[in-house]
């Protein structure tokens, strides 16, 4: 297995990625990984690396890439929008197909990356497997959670709330930005994601789909995530017992073994389509 840095040229700037090449003479459909948003991308990085390496051991090429304004890709975070996230994912899919000559890809996304993967897969005919780890179902609620992070920062710095959530939204509507853990959130991303609700998608990916609710041990599965499986013609919903490794928690997550095992077992049970 080799791991090679790659740059993907797009109209919005170059995207940085890492190509995990399993080697060998039997080509397989490549995976494209869709990362979470902002600080969640940082906390989940090592889990993504570990699973990409596991898939490469299993014989699958994997492309991990950074959307514009994230990681080592060009652009700034404040210029991000749902439209740019979708466009960058489409560019990564085309790049993976060119590298391998494969007629299709598999998409794997985590948190907001899973939401974007779901939206992209619904519009393409060349996505074979779709794997959604803890997808953000309700974009409006997620955006409100991010604003709450700003409010907590205000309390820590000023001992009071100087701008409530309504005022923060007004700042963005006027062309300003709101700081979320060091990331500048602007109105295009806020408004576009606020309009997303996966349970209300008009159509969904029709191929094999795995939806995973990730919850701490002893916690019930999230019903809104599990319910997403009913929207797909060929889907399975599973529960993985893991800590919420997309945020700061006491235990460092280099791997998510229960999540990995569920995903690999599901995949191994699928009929083997030609590469």
C-alpha atoms as a PDB file:
ATOM      1  CA  UNK A   1       0.000   0.000   0.000  1.00  0.00           C
ATOM      2  CA  UNK A   2       1.204   3.490  -0.841  1.00  0.00           C
ATOM      3  CA  UNK A   3      -0.115   6.892   0.244  1.00  0.00           C
ATOM      4  CA  UNK A   4       0.458   9.738  -2.182  1.00  0.00           C
ATOM      5  CA  UNK A   5      -0.419  13.427  -1.887  1.00  0.00           C
ATOM      6  CA  UNK A   6      -2.586  14.668  -4.752  1.00  0.00           C
ATOM      7  CA  UNK A   7      -3.892  18.017  -5.935  1.00  0.00           C
ATOM      8  CA  UNK A   8      -7.258  18.226  -7.668  1.00  0.00           C
ATOM      9  CA  UNK A   9      -7.723  21.222  -9.957  1.00  0.00           C
ATOM     10  CA  UNK A  10     -11.175  22.820  -9.753  1.00  0.00           C
ATOM     11  CA  UNK A  11     -12.585  26.202 -10.844  1.00  0.00           C
ATOM     12  CA  UNK A  12     -12.664  27.162  -7.158  1.00  0.00           C
ATOM     13  CA  UNK A  13      -8.995  26.348  -6.554  1.00  0.00           C
ATOM     14  CA  UNK A  14      -6.867  23.284  -5.948  1.00  0.00           C
ATOM     15  CA  UNK A  15      -8.078  20.654  -3.511  1.00  0.00           C
ATOM     16  CA  UNK A  16      -5.562  18.637  -1.520  1.00  0.00           C
ATOM     17  CA  UNK A  17      -6.008  14.923  -1.047  1.00  0.00           C
ATOM     18  CA  UNK A  18      -4.262  11.720  -0.071  1.00  0.00           C
ATOM     19  CA  UNK A  19      -4.548   8.732  -2.368  1.00  0.00           C
ATOM     20  CA  UNK A  20      -4.378   5.360  -0.606  1.00  0.00           C
ATOM     21  CA  UNK A  21      -3.360   2.819  -3.255  1.00  0.00           C
ATOM     22  CA  UNK A  22      -3.614  -0.839  -2.195  1.00  0.00           C
ATOM     23  CA  UNK A  23      -1.463  -2.032  -5.086  1.00  0.00           C
ATOM     24  CA  UNK A  24      -2.097  -5.443  -6.572  1.00  0.00           C
ATOM     25  CA  UNK A  25      -3.418  -6.454  -9.947  1.00  0.00           C
ATOM     26  CA  UNK A  26      -7.150  -6.719  -9.167  1.00  0.00           C
ATOM     27  CA  UNK A  27      -8.718  -3.248  -9.513  1.00  0.00           C
ATOM     28  CA  UNK A  28     -11.593  -2.371  -7.221  1.00  0.00           C
ATOM     29  CA  UNK A  29     -14.052   0.502  -7.144  1.00  0.00           C
ATOM     30  CA  UNK A  30     -12.430   3.391  -5.231  1.00  0.00           C
ATOM     31  CA  UNK A  31     -13.788   5.042  -2.115  1.00  0.00           C
ATOM     32  CA  UNK A  32     -14.090   8.803  -1.732  1.00  0.00           C
ATOM     33  CA  UNK A  33     -14.286  10.070   1.863  1.00  0.00           C
ATOM     34  CA  UNK A  34     -16.364  13.158   2.733  1.00  0.00           C
ATOM     35  CA  UNK A  35     -15.144  14.878   5.891  1.00  0.00           C
ATOM     36  CA  UNK A  36     -17.124  16.680   8.626  1.00  0.00           C
ATOM     37  CA  UNK A  37     -17.270  20.445   9.022  1.00  0.00           C
ATOM     38  CA  UNK A  38     -14.783  22.741  10.759  1.00  0.00           C
ATOM     39  CA  UNK A  39     -13.528  21.547  14.164  1.00  0.00           C
ATOM     40  CA  UNK A  40     -15.247  18.167  13.736  1.00  0.00           C
ATOM     41  CA  UNK A  41     -12.923  17.515  10.799  1.00  0.00           C
ATOM     42  CA  UNK A  42      -9.933  17.972  13.103  1.00  0.00           C
ATOM     43  CA  UNK A  43     -11.187  15.568  15.774  1.00  0.00           C
ATOM     44  CA  UNK A  44     -12.131  12.841  13.282  1.00  0.00           C
ATOM     45  CA  UNK A  45      -9.004  13.013  11.137  1.00  0.00           C
ATOM     46  CA  UNK A  46      -7.223  10.030  12.675  1.00  0.00           C
ATOM     47  CA  UNK A  47     -10.309   7.813  12.450  1.00  0.00           C
ATOM     48  CA  UNK A  48     -10.598   8.645   8.743  1.00  0.00           C
ATOM     49  CA  UNK A  49      -6.920   7.832   8.190  1.00  0.00           C
ATOM     50  CA  UNK A  50      -7.231   4.528  10.041  1.00  0.00           C
ATOM     51  CA  UNK A  51     -10.279   3.387   8.099  1.00  0.00           C
ATOM     52  CA  UNK A  52      -8.785   4.467   4.768  1.00  0.00           C
ATOM     53  CA  UNK A  53      -5.767   2.301   5.541  1.00  0.00           C
ATOM     54  CA  UNK A  54      -8.006  -0.596   6.530  1.00  0.00           C
ATOM     55  CA  UNK A  55      -9.922  -0.347   3.254  1.00  0.00           C
ATOM     56  CA  UNK A  56      -6.626  -0.257   1.347  1.00  0.00           C
ATOM     57  CA  UNK A  57      -5.578  -3.445   3.131  1.00  0.00           C
ATOM     58  CA  UNK A  58      -8.911  -4.890   1.990  1.00  0.00           C
ATOM     59  CA  UNK A  59      -7.978  -3.984  -1.573  1.00  0.00           C
ATOM     60  CA  UNK A  60      -9.836  -0.697  -2.138  1.00  0.00           C
ATOM     61  CA  UNK A  61      -8.234   2.525  -3.361  1.00  0.00           C
ATOM     62  CA  UNK A  62      -9.298   5.457  -1.185  1.00  0.00           C
ATOM     63  CA  UNK A  63      -9.248   9.200  -1.771  1.00  0.00           C
ATOM     64  CA  UNK A  64      -9.350  11.420   1.301  1.00  0.00           C
ATOM     65  CA  UNK A  65      -9.622  15.056   0.283  1.00  0.00           C
ATOM     66  CA  UNK A  66     -10.129  18.488   1.826  1.00  0.00           C
ATOM     67  CA  UNK A  67     -12.921  20.705   0.558  1.00  0.00           C
ATOM     68  CA  UNK A  68     -11.865  24.266  -0.322  1.00  0.00           C
ATOM     69  CA  UNK A  69     -11.082  26.363   2.712  1.00  0.00           C
ATOM     70  CA  UNK A  70     -10.382  23.234   4.756  1.00  0.00           C
ATOM     71  CA  UNK A  71      -7.150  21.467   5.616  1.00  0.00           C
ATOM     72  CA  UNK A  72      -4.500  21.983   2.940  1.00  0.00           C
ATOM     73  CA  UNK A  73      -6.852  22.919   0.107  1.00  0.00           C
ATOM     74  CA  UNK A  74      -6.895  26.391  -1.374  1.00  0.00           C
ATOM     75  CA  UNK A  75      -9.529  28.956  -0.469  1.00  0.00           C
ATOM     76  CA  UNK A  76     -10.834  30.221   2.846  1.00  0.00           C
ATOM     77  CA  UNK A  77     -13.443  28.681   5.094  1.00  0.00           C
ATOM     78  CA  UNK A  78     -15.664  31.761   5.038  1.00  0.00           C
ATOM     79  CA  UNK A  79     -16.195  31.342   1.282  1.00  0.00           C
ATOM     80  CA  UNK A  80     -17.650  27.851   1.830  1.00  0.00           C
ATOM     81  CA  UNK A  81     -21.251  27.053   1.024  1.00  0.00           C
ATOM     82  CA  UNK A  82     -23.278  23.921   0.502  1.00  0.00           C
ATOM     83  CA  UNK A  83     -22.809  24.504  -3.224  1.00  0.00           C
ATOM     84  CA  UNK A  84     -19.002  24.491  -2.876  1.00  0.00           C
ATOM     85  CA  UNK A  85     -19.056  21.371  -0.704  1.00  0.00           C
ATOM     86  CA  UNK A  86     -21.135  19.561  -3.330  1.00  0.00           C
ATOM     87  CA  UNK A  87     -18.981  20.845  -6.202  1.00  0.00           C
ATOM     88  CA  UNK A  88     -15.760  19.789  -4.471  1.00  0.00           C
ATOM     89  CA  UNK A  89     -17.150  16.321  -3.772  1.00  0.00           C
ATOM     90  CA  UNK A  90     -18.144  15.936  -7.407  1.00  0.00           C
ATOM     91  CA  UNK A  91     -14.628  16.994  -8.436  1.00  0.00           C
ATOM     92  CA  UNK A  92     -13.110  14.413  -6.073  1.00  0.00           C
ATOM     93  CA  UNK A  93     -15.329  11.685  -7.551  1.00  0.00           C
ATOM     94  CA  UNK A  94     -14.237  12.549 -11.079  1.00  0.00           C
ATOM     95  CA  UNK A  95     -10.601  12.596  -9.971  1.00  0.00           C
ATOM     96  CA  UNK A  96     -10.835   9.139  -8.331  1.00  0.00           C
ATOM     97  CA  UNK A  97     -12.466   7.727 -11.439  1.00  0.00           C
ATOM     98  CA  UNK A  98      -9.737   9.169 -13.676  1.00  0.00           C
ATOM     99  CA  UNK A  99      -6.987   7.717 -11.498  1.00  0.00           C
ATOM    100  CA  UNK A 100      -8.475   4.228 -11.592  1.00  0.00           C
ATOM    101  CA  UNK A 101     -10.489   4.107 -14.788  1.00  0.00           C
ATOM    102  CA  UNK A 102     -13.351   2.805 -12.651  1.00  0.00           C
ATOM    103  CA  UNK A 103     -16.929   3.287 -13.865  1.00  0.00           C
ATOM    104  CA  UNK A 104     -18.140   4.195 -10.371  1.00  0.00           C
ATOM    105  CA  UNK A 105     -17.076   5.104  -6.829  1.00  0.00           C
ATOM    106  CA  UNK A 106     -18.175   4.339  -3.303  1.00  0.00           C
ATOM    107  CA  UNK A 107     -18.923   7.345  -1.075  1.00  0.00           C
ATOM    108  CA  UNK A 108     -18.342   7.396   2.685  1.00  0.00           C
ATOM    109  CA  UNK A 109     -19.229  10.436   4.759  1.00  0.00           C
ATOM    110  CA  UNK A 110     -19.209  11.349   8.428  1.00  0.00           C
ATOM    111  CA  UNK A 111     -21.477  13.922  10.086  1.00  0.00           C
ATOM    112  CA  UNK A 112     -21.915  16.831   7.632  1.00  0.00           C
ATOM    113  CA  UNK A 113     -19.748  14.910   5.177  1.00  0.00           C
ATOM    114  CA  UNK A 114     -22.372  12.164   5.249  1.00  0.00           C
ATOM    115  CA  UNK A 115     -25.080  14.731   4.546  1.00  0.00           C
ATOM    116  CA  UNK A 116     -23.161  16.063   1.555  1.00  0.00           C
ATOM    117  CA  UNK A 117     -22.452  12.502   0.360  1.00  0.00           C
ATOM    118  CA  UNK A 118     -26.167  11.710   0.507  1.00  0.00           C
ATOM    119  CA  UNK A 119     -27.056  14.802  -1.529  1.00  0.00           C
ATOM    120  CA  UNK A 120     -24.356  14.093  -4.109  1.00  0.00           C
ATOM    121  CA  UNK A 121     -25.231  10.396  -4.444  1.00  0.00           C
ATOM    122  CA  UNK A 122     -28.874  11.248  -5.084  1.00  0.00           C
ATOM    123  CA  UNK A 123     -27.860  13.250  -8.156  1.00  0.00           C
ATOM    124  CA  UNK A 124     -25.296  10.868  -9.677  1.00  0.00           C
ATOM    125  CA  UNK A 125     -25.554   7.504 -11.400  1.00  0.00           C
ATOM    126  CA  UNK A 126     -21.942   6.475 -10.716  1.00  0.00           C
ATOM    127  CA  UNK A 127     -22.094   6.109  -6.916  1.00  0.00           C
ATOM    128  CA  UNK A 128     -22.285   2.415  -6.104  1.00  0.00           C
ATOM    129  CA  UNK A 129     -22.118   2.107  -2.297  1.00  0.00           C
ATOM    130  CA  UNK A 130     -23.151   4.935   0.028  1.00  0.00           C
ATOM    131  CA  UNK A 131     -22.038   4.820   3.661  1.00  0.00           C
ATOM    132  CA  UNK A 132     -23.441   7.435   6.040  1.00  0.00           C
ATOM    133  CA  UNK A 133     -21.801   7.613   9.460  1.00  0.00           C
ATOM    134  CA  UNK A 134     -23.840   9.729  11.918  1.00  0.00           C
ATOM    135  CA  UNK A 135     -25.240  12.028   9.210  1.00  0.00           C
ATOM    136  CA  UNK A 136     -26.602  15.471  10.057  1.00  0.00           C
ATOM    137  CA  UNK A 137     -30.282  15.031   9.278  1.00  0.00           C
ATOM    138  CA  UNK A 138     -31.650  18.446  10.271  1.00  0.00           C
ATOM    139  CA  UNK A 139     -29.387  21.180   8.919  1.00  0.00           C
ATOM    140  CA  UNK A 140     -31.267  24.002  10.653  1.00  0.00           C
ATOM    141  CA  UNK A 141     -30.801  22.408  14.065  1.00  0.00           C
ATOM    142  CA  UNK A 142     -27.129  21.791  13.342  1.00  0.00           C
ATOM    143  CA  UNK A 143     -26.598  25.434  12.426  1.00  0.00           C
ATOM    144  CA  UNK A 144     -28.258  26.501  15.671  1.00  0.00           C
ATOM    145  CA  UNK A 145     -25.887  24.187  17.551  1.00  0.00           C
ATOM    146  CA  UNK A 146     -22.950  25.941  15.899  1.00  0.00           C
ATOM    147  CA  UNK A 147     -24.299  29.336  16.953  1.00  0.00           C
ATOM    148  CA  UNK A 148     -24.506  27.992  20.487  1.00  0.00           C
ATOM    149  CA  UNK A 149     -20.744  27.427  20.321  1.00  0.00           C
ATOM    150  CA  UNK A 150     -20.329  31.150  19.657  1.00  0.00           C
ATOM    151  CA  UNK A 151     -22.568  31.987  22.626  1.00  0.00           C
ATOM    152  CA  UNK A 152     -20.444  29.775  24.864  1.00  0.00           C
ATOM    153  CA  UNK A 153     -17.356  31.611  23.633  1.00  0.00           C
ATOM    154  CA  UNK A 154     -18.941  34.950  24.474  1.00  0.00           C
ATOM    155  CA  UNK A 155     -19.681  33.772  28.001  1.00  0.00           C
ATOM    156  CA  UNK A 156     -16.125  32.518  28.441  1.00  0.00           C
ATOM    157  CA  UNK A 157     -14.616  35.780  27.191  1.00  0.00           C
ATOM    158  CA  UNK A 158     -17.052  38.434  28.389  1.00  0.00           C
ATOM    159  CA  UNK A 159     -19.040  36.690  31.170  1.00  0.00           C
ATOM    160  CA  UNK A 160     -22.194  37.649  29.286  1.00  0.00           C
ATOM    161  CA  UNK A 161     -24.009  37.192  25.970  1.00  0.00           C
ATOM    162  CA  UNK A 162     -23.426  40.347  23.929  1.00  0.00           C
ATOM    163  CA  UNK A 163     -25.072  39.044  20.739  1.00  0.00           C
ATOM    164  CA  UNK A 164     -27.817  36.432  20.896  1.00  0.00           C
ATOM    165  CA  UNK A 165     -28.505  33.966  18.109  1.00  0.00           C
ATOM    166  CA  UNK A 166     -30.939  36.257  16.304  1.00  0.00           C
ATOM    167  CA  UNK A 167     -28.343  39.041  16.313  1.00  0.00           C
ATOM    168  CA  UNK A 168     -25.649  36.659  15.054  1.00  0.00           C
ATOM    169  CA  UNK A 169     -27.887  35.729  12.129  1.00  0.00           C
ATOM    170  CA  UNK A 170     -28.392  39.434  11.406  1.00  0.00           C
ATOM    171  CA  UNK A 171     -24.611  39.897  11.308  1.00  0.00           C
ATOM    172  CA  UNK A 172     -24.355  37.184   8.645  1.00  0.00           C
ATOM    173  CA  UNK A 173     -27.315  38.535   6.688  1.00  0.00           C
ATOM    174  CA  UNK A 174     -25.544  41.908   6.573  1.00  0.00           C
ATOM    175  CA  UNK A 175     -22.463  40.284   5.033  1.00  0.00           C
ATOM    176  CA  UNK A 176     -20.451  39.681   8.200  1.00  0.00           C
ATOM    177  CA  UNK A 177     -19.238  36.450   9.731  1.00  0.00           C
ATOM    178  CA  UNK A 178     -19.679  34.635  13.033  1.00  0.00           C
ATOM    179  CA  UNK A 179     -16.741  32.892  14.672  1.00  0.00           C
ATOM    180  CA  UNK A 180     -17.297  29.218  15.511  1.00  0.00           C
ATOM    181  CA  UNK A 181     -14.245  27.740  17.260  1.00  0.00           C
ATOM    182  CA  UNK A 182     -11.960  29.818  15.067  1.00  0.00           C
ATOM    183  CA  UNK A 183     -13.872  29.281  11.818  1.00  0.00           C
ATOM    184  CA  UNK A 184     -15.674  32.217  10.216  1.00  0.00           C
ATOM    185  CA  UNK A 185     -19.223  31.193   9.326  1.00  0.00           C
ATOM    186  CA  UNK A 186     -20.980  33.324   6.713  1.00  0.00           C
ATOM    187  CA  UNK A 187     -24.552  33.491   5.497  1.00  0.00           C
ATOM    188  CA  UNK A 188     -24.324  31.334   2.336  1.00  0.00           C
ATOM    189  CA  UNK A 189     -23.221  28.258   4.287  1.00  0.00           C
ATOM    190  CA  UNK A 190     -25.557  29.018   7.195  1.00  0.00           C
ATOM    191  CA  UNK A 191     -28.660  29.558   5.056  1.00  0.00           C
ATOM    192  CA  UNK A 192     -28.050  26.718   2.601  1.00  0.00           C
ATOM    193  CA  UNK A 193     -27.412  24.157   5.326  1.00  0.00           C
ATOM    194  CA  UNK A 194     -30.366  25.443   7.344  1.00  0.00           C
ATOM    195  CA  UNK A 195     -32.579  24.459   4.414  1.00  0.00           C
ATOM    196  CA  UNK A 196     -31.335  20.850   4.354  1.00  0.00           C
ATOM    197  CA  UNK A 197     -33.366  18.084   5.966  1.00  0.00           C
ATOM    198  CA  UNK A 198     -32.399  14.624   4.746  1.00  0.00           C
ATOM    199  CA  UNK A 199     -35.686  13.083   5.879  1.00  0.00           C
ATOM    200  CA  UNK A 200     -37.455  15.348   3.380  1.00  0.00           C
ATOM    201  CA  UNK A 201     -35.271  14.586   0.367  1.00  0.00           C
ATOM    202  CA  UNK A 202     -37.347  14.276  -2.777  1.00  0.00           C
ATOM    203  CA  UNK A 203     -35.246  11.324  -3.946  1.00  0.00           C
ATOM    204  CA  UNK A 204     -32.338   9.315  -2.635  1.00  0.00           C
ATOM    205  CA  UNK A 205     -29.508   7.050  -3.742  1.00  0.00           C
ATOM    206  CA  UNK A 206     -30.924   3.769  -5.025  1.00  0.00           C
ATOM    207  CA  UNK A 207     -27.873   1.570  -4.570  1.00  0.00           C
ATOM    208  CA  UNK A 208     -26.585  -0.239  -1.479  1.00  0.00           C
ATOM    209  CA  UNK A 209     -26.673   2.188   1.449  1.00  0.00           C
ATOM    210  CA  UNK A 210     -25.491   1.840   5.031  1.00  0.00           C
ATOM    211  CA  UNK A 211     -26.783   4.306   7.636  1.00  0.00           C
ATOM    212  CA  UNK A 212     -25.060   4.193  11.032  1.00  0.00           C
ATOM    213  CA  UNK A 213     -26.191   5.854  14.231  1.00  0.00           C
ATOM    214  CA  UNK A 214     -23.098   6.318  16.414  1.00  0.00           C
ATOM    215  CA  UNK A 215     -23.916   6.429  20.126  1.00  0.00           C
ATOM    216  CA  UNK A 216     -22.094   5.772  23.420  1.00  0.00           C
ATOM    217  CA  UNK A 217     -22.494   2.304  24.915  1.00  0.00           C
ATOM    218  CA  UNK A 218     -25.865   1.862  26.561  1.00  0.00           C
ATOM    219  CA  UNK A 219     -27.441   4.740  24.626  1.00  0.00           C
ATOM    220  CA  UNK A 220     -30.411   4.314  22.307  1.00  0.00           C
ATOM    221  CA  UNK A 221     -29.992   4.803  18.570  1.00  0.00           C
ATOM    222  CA  UNK A 222     -31.041   8.128  17.096  1.00  0.00           C
ATOM    223  CA  UNK A 223     -34.386   7.440  15.479  1.00  0.00           C
ATOM    224  CA  UNK A 224     -34.105  10.204  12.876  1.00  0.00           C
ATOM    225  CA  UNK A 225     -30.856   8.689  11.611  1.00  0.00           C
ATOM    226  CA  UNK A 226     -32.163   5.130  11.634  1.00  0.00           C
ATOM    227  CA  UNK A 227     -35.272   6.319   9.778  1.00  0.00           C
ATOM    228  CA  UNK A 228     -33.182   7.491   6.830  1.00  0.00           C
ATOM    229  CA  UNK A 229     -32.824   3.883   5.718  1.00  0.00           C
ATOM    230  CA  UNK A 230     -36.515   3.790   4.786  1.00  0.00           C
ATOM    231  CA  UNK A 231     -35.896   6.405   2.088  1.00  0.00           C
ATOM    232  CA  UNK A 232     -33.510   4.183   0.181  1.00  0.00           C
ATOM    233  CA  UNK A 233     -34.431   1.208  -1.970  1.00  0.00           C
ATOM    234  CA  UNK A 234     -31.523  -0.914  -0.714  1.00  0.00           C
ATOM    235  CA  UNK A 235     -30.473   0.269   2.727  1.00  0.00           C
ATOM    236  CA  UNK A 236     -29.524  -1.061   6.120  1.00  0.00           C
ATOM    237  CA  UNK A 237     -29.498   0.851   9.411  1.00  0.00           C
ATOM    238  CA  UNK A 238     -27.021  -0.093  12.136  1.00  0.00           C
ATOM    239  CA  UNK A 239     -25.982   1.189  15.555  1.00  0.00           C
ATOM    240  CA  UNK A 240     -22.297   1.549  16.418  1.00  0.00           C
ATOM    241  CA  UNK A 241     -21.341   1.933  20.063  1.00  0.00           C
ATOM    242  CA  UNK A 242     -18.637   4.594  20.043  1.00  0.00           C
ATOM    243  CA  UNK A 243     -18.024   7.837  21.885  1.00  0.00           C
ATOM    244  CA  UNK A 244     -18.779  11.031  19.897  1.00  0.00           C
ATOM    245  CA  UNK A 245     -15.247  11.212  18.517  1.00  0.00           C
ATOM    246  CA  UNK A 246     -16.090  14.250  16.335  1.00  0.00           C
ATOM    247  CA  UNK A 247     -15.718  16.523  19.342  1.00  0.00           C
ATOM    248  CA  UNK A 248     -13.300  16.921  22.205  1.00  0.00           C
ATOM    249  CA  UNK A 249     -13.714  13.977  24.585  1.00  0.00           C
ATOM    250  CA  UNK A 250     -11.407  12.494  27.259  1.00  0.00           C
ATOM    251  CA  UNK A 251     -10.476   9.450  25.169  1.00  0.00           C
ATOM    252  CA  UNK A 252      -8.354   9.942  22.048  1.00  0.00           C
ATOM    253  CA  UNK A 253      -9.848   8.150  19.068  1.00  0.00           C
ATOM    254  CA  UNK A 254      -7.314   6.721  16.650  1.00  0.00           C
ATOM    255  CA  UNK A 255      -9.784   4.076  15.563  1.00  0.00           C
ATOM    256  CA  UNK A 256     -13.489   3.321  15.933  1.00  0.00           C
ATOM    257  CA  UNK A 257     -13.361  -0.463  15.888  1.00  0.00           C
ATOM    258  CA  UNK A 258     -17.050  -1.218  16.382  1.00  0.00           C
ATOM    259  CA  UNK A 259     -17.947   1.243  13.630  1.00  0.00           C
ATOM    260  CA  UNK A 260     -15.264  -0.216  11.369  1.00  0.00           C
ATOM    261  CA  UNK A 261     -16.440  -3.787  11.972  1.00  0.00           C
ATOM    262  CA  UNK A 262     -20.089  -2.954  11.234  1.00  0.00           C
ATOM    263  CA  UNK A 263     -19.116  -1.211   8.015  1.00  0.00           C
ATOM    264  CA  UNK A 264     -16.811  -3.962   6.779  1.00  0.00           C
ATOM    265  CA  UNK A 265     -19.309  -6.733   7.615  1.00  0.00           C
ATOM    266  CA  UNK A 266     -22.048  -4.927   5.716  1.00  0.00           C
ATOM    267  CA  UNK A 267     -19.779  -4.447   2.776  1.00  0.00           C
ATOM    268  CA  UNK A 268     -18.567  -8.065   2.774  1.00  0.00           C
ATOM    269  CA  UNK A 269     -22.174  -9.281   2.672  1.00  0.00           C
ATOM    270  CA  UNK A 270     -23.002  -7.328  -0.491  1.00  0.00           C
ATOM    271  CA  UNK A 271     -23.122  -9.126  -3.842  1.00  0.00           C
ATOM    272  CA  UNK A 272     -19.799  -8.619  -5.564  1.00  0.00           C
ATOM    273  CA  UNK A 273     -20.355  -6.315  -8.524  1.00  0.00           C
ATOM    274  CA  UNK A 274     -17.752  -6.212 -11.280  1.00  0.00           C
ATOM    275  CA  UNK A 275     -15.135  -3.470 -10.957  1.00  0.00           C
END
